PDB file of N, CA and C in Angstrom:
ATOM      1  N   MET A   1      17.372  21.070  28.336  1.00  0.00           N
ATOM      2  CA  MET A   1      16.205  20.343  27.921  1.00  0.00           C
ATOM      3  C   MET A   1      15.567  19.669  29.136  1.00  0.00           C
ATOM      4  N   LYS A   2      14.262  19.774  29.226  1.00  0.00           N
ATOM      5  CA  LYS A   2      13.551  19.200  30.351  1.00  0.00           C
ATOM      6  C   LYS A   2      13.439  17.694  30.206  1.00  0.00           C
ATOM      7  N   LYS A   3      13.487  17.010  31.320  1.00  0.00           N
ATOM      8  CA  LYS A   3      13.262  15.577  31.312  1.00  0.00           C
ATOM      9  C   LYS A   3      11.768  15.304  31.246  1.00  0.00           C
ATOM     10  N   ARG A   4      11.435  14.167  30.678  1.00  0.00           N
ATOM     11  CA  ARG A   4      10.030  13.787  30.590  1.00  0.00           C
ATOM     12  C   ARG A   4       9.496  13.359  31.951  1.00  0.00           C
ATOM     13  N   THR A   5       8.253  13.690  32.141  1.00  0.00           N
ATOM     14  CA  THR A   5       7.594  13.207  33.343  1.00  0.00           C
ATOM     15  C   THR A   5       6.824  11.941  33.000  1.00  0.00           C
ATOM     16  N   ALA A   6       6.265  11.310  33.962  1.00  0.00           N
ATOM     17  CA  ALA A   6       5.611  10.016  33.773  1.00  0.00           C
ATOM     18  C   ALA A   6       4.388  10.091  32.861  1.00  0.00           C
ATOM     19  N   ASN A   7       3.721  11.230  32.793  1.00  0.00           N
ATOM     20  CA  ASN A   7       2.498  11.316  32.000  1.00  0.00           C
ATOM     21  C   ASN A   7       2.736  11.796  30.561  1.00  0.00           C
ATOM     22  N   GLU A   8       3.986  12.011  30.163  1.00  0.00           N
ATOM     23  CA  GLU A   8       4.288  12.438  28.800  1.00  0.00           C
ATOM     24  C   GLU A   8       4.616  11.223  27.934  1.00  0.00           C
ATOM     25  N   GLU A   9       4.215  11.319  26.662  1.00  0.00           N
ATOM     26  CA  GLU A   9       4.471  10.240  25.713  1.00  0.00           C
ATOM     27  C   GLU A   9       5.125  10.817  24.467  1.00  0.00           C
ATOM     28  N   LYS A  10       5.765   9.937  23.699  1.00  0.00           N
ATOM     29  CA  LYS A  10       6.319  10.359  22.421  1.00  0.00           C
ATOM     30  C   LYS A  10       5.179  10.711  21.481  1.00  0.00           C
ATOM     31  N   LEU A  11       5.418  11.692  20.630  1.00  0.00           N
ATOM     32  CA  LEU A  11       4.401  12.116  19.677  1.00  0.00           C
ATOM     33  C   LEU A  11       4.030  10.980  18.723  1.00  0.00           C
ATOM     34  N   SER A  12       5.013  10.194  18.299  1.00  0.00           N
ATOM     35  CA  SER A  12       4.728   9.086  17.379  1.00  0.00           C
ATOM     36  C   SER A  12       3.795   8.060  18.030  1.00  0.00           C
ATOM     37  N   ASN A  13       3.957   7.814  19.318  1.00  0.00           N
ATOM     38  CA  ASN A  13       3.067   6.892  20.021  1.00  0.00           C
ATOM     39  C   ASN A  13       1.648   7.440  20.105  1.00  0.00           C
ATOM     40  N   VAL A  14       1.532   8.733  20.362  1.00  0.00           N
ATOM     41  CA  VAL A  14       0.214   9.365  20.463  1.00  0.00           C
ATOM     42  C   VAL A  14      -0.495   9.308  19.112  1.00  0.00           C
ATOM     43  N   VAL A  15       0.232   9.614  18.025  1.00  0.00           N
ATOM     44  CA  VAL A  15      -0.366   9.593  16.684  1.00  0.00           C
ATOM     45  C   VAL A  15      -0.773   8.174  16.311  1.00  0.00           C
ATOM     46  N   ASN A  16       0.096   7.202  16.573  1.00  0.00           N
ATOM     47  CA  ASN A  16      -0.235   5.808  16.256  1.00  0.00           C
ATOM     48  C   ASN A  16      -1.448   5.320  17.054  1.00  0.00           C
ATOM     49  N   ASN A  17      -1.545   5.703  18.305  1.00  0.00           N
ATOM     50  CA  ASN A  17      -2.709   5.336  19.114  1.00  0.00           C
ATOM     51  C   ASN A  17      -3.983   5.954  18.558  1.00  0.00           C
ATOM     52  N   PHE A  18      -3.885   7.218  18.137  1.00  0.00           N
ATOM     53  CA  PHE A  18      -5.044   7.899  17.548  1.00  0.00           C
ATOM     54  C   PHE A  18      -5.491   7.203  16.263  1.00  0.00           C
ATOM     55  N   ILE A  19      -4.532   6.843  15.405  1.00  0.00           N
ATOM     56  CA  ILE A  19      -4.848   6.164  14.144  1.00  0.00           C
ATOM     57  C   ILE A  19      -5.522   4.827  14.408  1.00  0.00           C
ATOM     58  N   ASP A  20      -5.007   4.085  15.371  1.00  0.00           N
ATOM     59  CA  ASP A  20      -5.599   2.782  15.703  1.00  0.00           C
ATOM     60  C   ASP A  20      -7.003   2.934  16.281  1.00  0.00           C
ATOM     61  N   GLN A  21      -7.187   3.881  17.190  1.00  0.00           N
ATOM     62  CA  GLN A  21      -8.475   4.054  17.853  1.00  0.00           C
ATOM     63  C   GLN A  21      -9.541   4.607  16.905  1.00  0.00           C
ATOM     64  N   SER A  22      -9.129   5.400  15.939  1.00  0.00           N
ATOM     65  CA  SER A  22     -10.101   5.982  15.015  1.00  0.00           C
ATOM     66  C   SER A  22     -10.389   5.068  13.830  1.00  0.00           C
ATOM     67  N   GLY A  23      -9.683   3.944  13.732  1.00  0.00           N
ATOM     68  CA  GLY A  23      -9.948   2.984  12.672  1.00  0.00           C
ATOM     69  C   GLY A  23      -9.377   3.375  11.319  1.00  0.00           C
ATOM     70  N   LEU A  24      -8.364   4.203  11.316  1.00  0.00           N
ATOM     71  CA  LEU A  24      -7.772   4.669  10.061  1.00  0.00           C
ATOM     72  C   LEU A  24      -6.547   3.868   9.624  1.00  0.00           C
ATOM     73  N   ARG A  25      -6.144   2.884  10.389  1.00  0.00           N
ATOM     74  CA  ARG A  25      -4.925   2.127  10.085  1.00  0.00           C
ATOM     75  C   ARG A  25      -4.997   1.482   8.698  1.00  0.00           C
ATOM     76  N   ASN A  26      -6.143   0.875   8.361  1.00  0.00           N
ATOM     77  CA  ASN A  26      -6.276   0.224   7.053  1.00  0.00           C
ATOM     78  C   ASN A  26      -6.181   1.224   5.912  1.00  0.00           C
ATOM     79  N   LYS A  27      -6.770   2.400   6.083  1.00  0.00           N
ATOM     80  CA  LYS A  27      -6.699   3.427   5.034  1.00  0.00           C
ATOM     81  C   LYS A  27      -5.257   3.878   4.808  1.00  0.00           C
ATOM     82  N   PHE A  28      -4.510   4.023   5.887  1.00  0.00           N
ATOM     83  CA  PHE A  28      -3.105   4.399   5.752  1.00  0.00           C
ATOM     84  C   PHE A  28      -2.326   3.308   5.025  1.00  0.00           C
ATOM     85  N   GLN A  29      -2.597   2.056   5.341  1.00  0.00           N
ATOM     86  CA  GLN A  29      -1.912   0.952   4.676  1.00  0.00           C
ATOM     87  C   GLN A  29      -2.281   0.887   3.198  1.00  0.00           C
ATOM     88  N   GLU A  30      -3.540   1.134   2.872  1.00  0.00           N
ATOM     89  CA  GLU A  30      -3.970   1.124   1.475  1.00  0.00           C
ATOM     90  C   GLU A  30      -3.260   2.221   0.686  1.00  0.00           C
ATOM     91  N   GLN A  31      -3.150   3.402   1.275  1.00  0.00           N
ATOM     92  CA  GLN A  31      -2.459   4.494   0.586  1.00  0.00           C
ATOM     93  C   GLN A  31      -0.971   4.209   0.439  1.00  0.00           C
ATOM     94  N   GLU A  32      -0.392   3.571   1.434  1.00  0.00           N
ATOM     95  CA  GLU A  32       1.020   3.205   1.363  1.00  0.00           C
ATOM     96  C   GLU A  32       1.252   2.161   0.266  1.00  0.00           C
ATOM     97  N   ILE A  33       0.327   1.230   0.113  1.00  0.00           N
ATOM     98  CA  ILE A  33       0.429   0.234  -0.957  1.00  0.00           C
ATOM     99  C   ILE A  33       0.393   0.915  -2.317  1.00  0.00           C
ATOM    100  N   LEU A  34      -0.533   1.834  -2.518  1.00  0.00           N
ATOM    101  CA  LEU A  34      -0.629   2.533  -3.794  1.00  0.00           C
ATOM    102  C   LEU A  34       0.634   3.340  -4.073  1.00  0.00           C
ATOM    103  N   HIS A  35       1.159   3.981  -3.057  1.00  0.00           N
ATOM    104  CA  HIS A  35       2.395   4.757  -3.207  1.00  0.00           C
ATOM    105  C   HIS A  35       3.569   3.842  -3.583  1.00  0.00           C
ATOM    106  N   ASN A  36       3.688   2.714  -2.898  1.00  0.00           N
ATOM    107  CA  ASN A  36       4.776   1.777  -3.182  1.00  0.00           C
ATOM    108  C   ASN A  36       4.606   1.133  -4.556  1.00  0.00           C
ATOM    109  N   PHE A  37       3.364   0.880  -4.976  1.00  0.00           N
ATOM    110  CA  PHE A  37       3.123   0.331  -6.304  1.00  0.00           C
ATOM    111  C   PHE A  37       3.622   1.304  -7.374  1.00  0.00           C
ATOM    112  N   LYS A  38       3.353   2.581  -7.183  1.00  0.00           N
ATOM    113  CA  LYS A  38       3.818   3.594  -8.147  1.00  0.00           C
ATOM    114  C   LYS A  38       5.340   3.658  -8.184  1.00  0.00           C
ATOM    115  N   LYS A  39       5.974   3.498  -7.028  1.00  0.00           N
ATOM    116  CA  LYS A  39       7.437   3.502  -6.992  1.00  0.00           C
ATOM    117  C   LYS A  39       8.008   2.275  -7.697  1.00  0.00           C
ATOM    118  N   ILE A  40       7.395   1.118  -7.504  1.00  0.00           N
ATOM    119  CA  ILE A  40       7.884  -0.118  -8.117  1.00  0.00           C
ATOM    120  C   ILE A  40       7.719  -0.063  -9.633  1.00  0.00           C
ATOM    121  N   MET A  41       6.576   0.406 -10.111  1.00  0.00           N
ATOM    122  CA  MET A  41       6.293   0.419 -11.547  1.00  0.00           C
ATOM    123  C   MET A  41       7.061   1.507 -12.291  1.00  0.00           C
ATOM    124  N   GLY A  42       7.251   2.650 -11.661  1.00  0.00           N
ATOM    125  CA  GLY A  42       7.934   3.752 -12.328  1.00  0.00           C
ATOM    126  C   GLY A  42       6.971   4.559 -13.182  1.00  0.00           C
ATOM    127  N   PRO A  43       7.410   5.741 -13.618  1.00  0.00           N
ATOM    128  CA  PRO A  43       6.505   6.646 -14.342  1.00  0.00           C
ATOM    129  C   PRO A  43       6.081   6.119 -15.718  1.00  0.00           C
ATOM    130  N   PHE A  44       6.960   5.416 -16.418  1.00  0.00           N
ATOM    131  CA  PHE A  44       6.611   4.928 -17.760  1.00  0.00           C
ATOM    132  C   PHE A  44       5.494   3.895 -17.707  1.00  0.00           C
ATOM    133  N   LEU A  45       5.624   2.909 -16.817  1.00  0.00           N
ATOM    134  CA  LEU A  45       4.602   1.867 -16.715  1.00  0.00           C
ATOM    135  C   LEU A  45       3.320   2.379 -16.073  1.00  0.00           C
ATOM    136  N   MET A  46       3.418   3.386 -15.214  1.00  0.00           N
ATOM    137  CA  MET A  46       2.217   3.936 -14.589  1.00  0.00           C
ATOM    138  C   MET A  46       1.324   4.631 -15.608  1.00  0.00           C
ATOM    139  N   LYS A  47       1.876   4.989 -16.772  1.00  0.00           N
ATOM    140  CA  LYS A  47       1.043   5.570 -17.833  1.00  0.00           C
ATOM    141  C   LYS A  47       0.060   4.537 -18.385  1.00  0.00           C
ATOM    142  N   LYS A  48       0.366   3.261 -18.214  1.00  0.00           N
ATOM    143  CA  LYS A  48      -0.500   2.175 -18.691  1.00  0.00           C
ATOM    144  C   LYS A  48      -1.607   1.843 -17.688  1.00  0.00           C
ATOM    145  N   VAL A  49      -1.520   2.392 -16.470  1.00  0.00           N
ATOM    146  CA  VAL A  49      -2.516   2.139 -15.425  1.00  0.00           C
ATOM    147  C   VAL A  49      -3.530   3.282 -15.440  1.00  0.00           C
ATOM    148  N   LYS A  50      -4.776   2.942 -15.780  1.00  0.00           N
ATOM    149  CA  LYS A  50      -5.823   3.962 -15.819  1.00  0.00           C
ATOM    150  C   LYS A  50      -6.344   4.284 -14.423  1.00  0.00           C
ATOM    151  N   LYS A  51      -6.532   3.232 -13.627  1.00  0.00           N
ATOM    152  CA  LYS A  51      -7.117   3.411 -12.298  1.00  0.00           C
ATOM    153  C   LYS A  51      -6.540   2.358 -11.367  1.00  0.00           C
ATOM    154  N   SER A  52      -6.265   2.745 -10.126  1.00  0.00           N
ATOM    155  CA  SER A  52      -5.774   1.787  -9.129  1.00  0.00           C
ATOM    156  C   SER A  52      -6.372   2.137  -7.774  1.00  0.00           C
ATOM    157  N   TYR A  53      -6.808   1.087  -7.071  1.00  0.00           N
ATOM    158  CA  TYR A  53      -7.340   1.286  -5.726  1.00  0.00           C
ATOM    159  C   TYR A  53      -7.255  -0.022  -4.955  1.00  0.00           C
ATOM    160  N   VAL A  54      -7.338   0.084  -3.639  1.00  0.00           N
ATOM    161  CA  VAL A  54      -7.290  -1.077  -2.763  1.00  0.00           C
ATOM    162  C   VAL A  54      -8.636  -1.182  -2.057  1.00  0.00           C
ATOM    163  N   LYS A  55      -9.202  -2.395  -2.091  1.00  0.00           N
ATOM    164  CA  LYS A  55     -10.481  -2.632  -1.424  1.00  0.00           C
ATOM    165  C   LYS A  55     -10.497  -4.075  -0.956  1.00  0.00           C
ATOM    166  N   ASN A  56     -10.880  -4.301   0.282  1.00  0.00           N
ATOM    167  CA  ASN A  56     -10.967  -5.650   0.860  1.00  0.00           C
ATOM    168  C   ASN A  56      -9.662  -6.429   0.691  1.00  0.00           C
ATOM    169  N   GLN A  57      -8.571  -5.787   0.954  1.00  0.00           N
ATOM    170  CA  GLN A  57      -7.230  -6.373   0.900  1.00  0.00           C
ATOM    171  C   GLN A  57      -6.865  -6.892  -0.488  1.00  0.00           C
ATOM    172  N   LYS A  58      -7.430  -6.271  -1.517  1.00  0.00           N
ATOM    173  CA  LYS A  58      -7.097  -6.594  -2.902  1.00  0.00           C
ATOM    174  C   LYS A  58      -6.709  -5.313  -3.623  1.00  0.00           C
ATOM    175  N   LEU A  59      -5.678  -5.404  -4.452  1.00  0.00           N
ATOM    176  CA  LEU A  59      -5.249  -4.278  -5.266  1.00  0.00           C
ATOM    177  C   LEU A  59      -5.908  -4.423  -6.634  1.00  0.00           C
ATOM    178  N   TYR A  60      -6.749  -3.455  -6.990  1.00  0.00           N
ATOM    179  CA  TYR A  60      -7.445  -3.461  -8.267  1.00  0.00           C
ATOM    180  C   TYR A  60      -6.720  -2.517  -9.222  1.00  0.00           C
ATOM    181  N   LEU A  61      -6.450  -3.012 -10.427  1.00  0.00           N
ATOM    182  CA  LEU A  61      -5.771  -2.211 -11.439  1.00  0.00           C
ATOM    183  C   LEU A  61      -6.552  -2.258 -12.743  1.00  0.00           C
ATOM    184  N   GLN A  62      -6.877  -1.093 -13.270  1.00  0.00           N
ATOM    185  CA  GLN A  62      -7.474  -1.002 -14.592  1.00  0.00           C
ATOM    186  C   GLN A  62      -6.364  -0.574 -15.538  1.00  0.00           C
ATOM    187  N   LEU A  63      -6.097  -1.398 -16.550  1.00  0.00           N
ATOM    188  CA  LEU A  63      -4.953  -1.191 -17.423  1.00  0.00           C
ATOM    189  C   LEU A  63      -5.403  -0.844 -18.836  1.00  0.00           C
ATOM    190  N   SER A  64      -4.542  -0.106 -19.546  1.00  0.00           N
ATOM    191  CA  SER A  64      -4.857   0.277 -20.927  1.00  0.00           C
ATOM    192  C   SER A  64      -4.134  -0.588 -21.945  1.00  0.00           C
ATOM    193  N   SER A  65      -3.255  -1.479 -21.500  1.00  0.00           N
ATOM    194  CA  SER A  65      -2.459  -2.290 -22.406  1.00  0.00           C
ATOM    195  C   SER A  65      -2.639  -3.777 -22.090  1.00  0.00           C
ATOM    196  N   ALA A  66      -3.048  -4.550 -23.116  1.00  0.00           N
ATOM    197  CA  ALA A  66      -3.222  -5.988 -22.933  1.00  0.00           C
ATOM    198  C   ALA A  66      -1.876  -6.670 -22.676  1.00  0.00           C
ATOM    199  N   ALA A  67      -0.822  -6.186 -23.312  1.00  0.00           N
ATOM    200  CA  ALA A  67       0.505  -6.778 -23.110  1.00  0.00           C
ATOM    201  C   ALA A  67       0.985  -6.552 -21.674  1.00  0.00           C
ATOM    202  N   PHE A  68       0.755  -5.367 -21.158  1.00  0.00           N
ATOM    203  CA  PHE A  68       1.137  -5.061 -19.773  1.00  0.00           C
ATOM    204  C   PHE A  68       0.313  -5.893 -18.795  1.00  0.00           C
ATOM    205  N   LYS A  69      -0.961  -6.098 -19.124  1.00  0.00           N
ATOM    206  CA  LYS A  69      -1.830  -6.923 -18.287  1.00  0.00           C
ATOM    207  C   LYS A  69      -1.304  -8.353 -18.224  1.00  0.00           C
ATOM    208  N   GLN A  70      -0.888  -8.895 -19.361  1.00  0.00           N
ATOM    209  CA  GLN A  70      -0.354 -10.250 -19.396  1.00  0.00           C
ATOM    210  C   GLN A  70       0.941 -10.345 -18.594  1.00  0.00           C
ATOM    211  N   GLU A  71       1.777  -9.333 -18.680  1.00  0.00           N
ATOM    212  CA  GLU A  71       3.033  -9.312 -17.913  1.00  0.00           C
ATOM    213  C   GLU A  71       2.749  -9.289 -16.414  1.00  0.00           C
ATOM    214  N   LEU A  72       1.766  -8.509 -15.999  1.00  0.00           N
ATOM    215  CA  LEU A  72       1.414  -8.462 -14.578  1.00  0.00           C
ATOM    216  C   LEU A  72       0.823  -9.784 -14.098  1.00  0.00           C
ATOM    217  N   VAL A  73       0.099 -10.472 -14.964  1.00  0.00           N
ATOM    218  CA  VAL A  73      -0.442 -11.787 -14.598  1.00  0.00           C
ATOM    219  C   VAL A  73       0.711 -12.732 -14.281  1.00  0.00           C
ATOM    220  N   MET A  74       1.772 -12.670 -15.095  1.00  0.00           N
ATOM    221  CA  MET A  74       2.918 -13.556 -14.882  1.00  0.00           C
ATOM    222  C   MET A  74       3.730 -13.160 -13.648  1.00  0.00           C
ATOM    223  N   GLN A  75       3.728 -11.877 -13.304  1.00  0.00           N
ATOM    224  CA  GLN A  75       4.514 -11.376 -12.175  1.00  0.00           C
ATOM    225  C   GLN A  75       3.668 -11.129 -10.925  1.00  0.00           C
ATOM    226  N   LYS A  76       2.453 -11.642 -10.907  1.00  0.00           N
ATOM    227  CA  LYS A  76       1.493 -11.355  -9.834  1.00  0.00           C
ATOM    228  C   LYS A  76       2.029 -11.700  -8.445  1.00  0.00           C
ATOM    229  N   THR A  77       2.522 -12.914  -8.255  1.00  0.00           N
ATOM    230  CA  THR A  77       2.985 -13.316  -6.921  1.00  0.00           C
ATOM    231  C   THR A  77       4.203 -12.514  -6.489  1.00  0.00           C
ATOM    232  N   ASN A  78       5.097 -12.242  -7.421  1.00  0.00           N
ATOM    233  CA  ASN A  78       6.280 -11.447  -7.111  1.00  0.00           C
ATOM    234  C   ASN A  78       5.887 -10.024  -6.691  1.00  0.00           C
ATOM    235  N   LEU A  79       4.956  -9.438  -7.412  1.00  0.00           N
ATOM    236  CA  LEU A  79       4.502  -8.084  -7.098  1.00  0.00           C
ATOM    237  C   LEU A  79       3.812  -8.037  -5.736  1.00  0.00           C
ATOM    238  N   LEU A  80       2.970  -9.031  -5.450  1.00  0.00           N
ATOM    239  CA  LEU A  80       2.302  -9.084  -4.135  1.00  0.00           C
ATOM    240  C   LEU A  80       3.327  -9.214  -3.008  1.00  0.00           C
ATOM    241  N   GLU A  81       4.348 -10.032  -3.207  1.00  0.00           N
ATOM    242  CA  GLU A  81       5.395 -10.185  -2.192  1.00  0.00           C
ATOM    243  C   GLU A  81       6.136  -8.876  -1.961  1.00  0.00           C
ATOM    244  N   GLN A  82       6.459  -8.165  -3.038  1.00  0.00           N
ATOM    245  CA  GLN A  82       7.162  -6.878  -2.902  1.00  0.00           C
ATOM    246  C   GLN A  82       6.316  -5.865  -2.155  1.00  0.00           C
ATOM    247  N   LEU A  83       5.046  -5.781  -2.494  1.00  0.00           N
ATOM    248  CA  LEU A  83       4.174  -4.808  -1.841  1.00  0.00           C
ATOM    249  C   LEU A  83       3.941  -5.158  -0.376  1.00  0.00           C
ATOM    250  N   ASN A  84       3.759  -6.432  -0.068  1.00  0.00           N
ATOM    251  CA  ASN A  84       3.574  -6.835   1.327  1.00  0.00           C
ATOM    252  C   ASN A  84       4.850  -6.641   2.137  1.00  0.00           C
ATOM    253  N   SER A  85       5.999  -6.885   1.538  1.00  0.00           N
ATOM    254  CA  SER A  85       7.252  -6.696   2.271  1.00  0.00           C
ATOM    255  C   SER A  85       7.510  -5.214   2.537  1.00  0.00           C
ATOM    256  N   SER A  86       7.001  -4.338   1.681  1.00  0.00           N
ATOM    257  CA  SER A  86       7.164  -2.910   1.922  1.00  0.00           C
ATOM    258  C   SER A  86       6.367  -2.452   3.136  1.00  0.00           C
ATOM    259  N   LEU A  87       5.316  -3.197   3.471  1.00  0.00           N
ATOM    260  CA  LEU A  87       4.512  -2.892   4.664  1.00  0.00           C
ATOM    261  C   LEU A  87       4.997  -3.646   5.890  1.00  0.00           C
ATOM    262  N   SER A  88       5.851  -4.635   5.692  1.00  0.00           N
ATOM    263  CA  SER A  88       6.294  -5.538   6.762  1.00  0.00           C
ATOM    264  C   SER A  88       5.103  -6.291   7.351  1.00  0.00           C
ATOM    265  N   LYS A  89       4.124  -6.540   6.501  1.00  0.00           N
ATOM    266  CA  LYS A  89       2.906  -7.226   6.933  1.00  0.00           C
ATOM    267  C   LYS A  89       2.225  -7.798   5.696  1.00  0.00           C
ATOM    268  N   ASN A  90       1.617  -8.956   5.811  1.00  0.00           N
ATOM    269  CA  ASN A  90       0.872  -9.532   4.693  1.00  0.00           C
ATOM    270  C   ASN A  90      -0.534  -8.944   4.669  1.00  0.00           C
ATOM    271  N   TYR A  91      -0.651  -7.761   4.119  1.00  0.00           N
ATOM    272  CA  TYR A  91      -1.948  -7.094   4.052  1.00  0.00           C
ATOM    273  C   TYR A  91      -2.694  -7.460   2.765  1.00  0.00           C
ATOM    274  N   LEU A  92      -2.008  -7.391   1.635  1.00  0.00           N
ATOM    275  CA  LEU A  92      -2.641  -7.686   0.345  1.00  0.00           C
ATOM    276  C   LEU A  92      -2.812  -9.185   0.162  1.00  0.00           C
ATOM    277  N   LYS A  93      -4.001  -9.580  -0.261  1.00  0.00           N
ATOM    278  CA  LYS A  93      -4.271 -11.003  -0.495  1.00  0.00           C
ATOM    279  C   LYS A  93      -4.311 -11.335  -1.981  1.00  0.00           C
ATOM    280  N   ASP A  94      -4.641 -10.340  -2.838  1.00  0.00           N
ATOM    281  CA  ASP A  94      -4.799 -10.632  -4.256  1.00  0.00           C
ATOM    282  C   ASP A  94      -4.585  -9.379  -5.094  1.00  0.00           C
ATOM    283  N   LEU A  95      -4.333  -9.614  -6.378  1.00  0.00           N
ATOM    284  CA  LEU A  95      -4.189  -8.557  -7.359  1.00  0.00           C
ATOM    285  C   LEU A  95      -5.233  -8.813  -8.425  1.00  0.00           C
ATOM    286  N   VAL A  96      -6.146  -7.854  -8.626  1.00  0.00           N
ATOM    287  CA  VAL A  96      -7.244  -8.020  -9.581  1.00  0.00           C
ATOM    288  C   VAL A  96      -6.998  -7.061 -10.733  1.00  0.00           C
ATOM    289  N   LEU A  97      -6.924  -7.617 -11.947  1.00  0.00           N
ATOM    290  CA  LEU A  97      -6.698  -6.820 -13.141  1.00  0.00           C
ATOM    291  C   LEU A  97      -8.020  -6.644 -13.882  1.00  0.00           C
ATOM    292  N   ILE A  98      -8.384  -5.404 -14.112  1.00  0.00           N
ATOM    293  CA  ILE A  98      -9.663  -5.082 -14.745  1.00  0.00           C
ATOM    294  C   ILE A  98      -9.411  -4.741 -16.207  1.00  0.00           C
TER     295      ILE A  98
END
């Protein structure tokens, strides 16, 4: 195996630099939040979510069940903490239930 020369970089560093320079970092974080939200809720509870998206550091959820909406209102801070800890960054500021 050849040794690296001074002008070579790790592929992960090159990709991360490209993502940062092209301004896509927030989009990647938003998609990661949605993915982690689906993992936390599970398939049964995700059937109650009609639409979910992230905009302006807020997670918007359109729900089909009033009971599920009330449960999420009570668990709002806990859910935000779980989602932010999955990113290792406080990206989400609020959870908006539609």
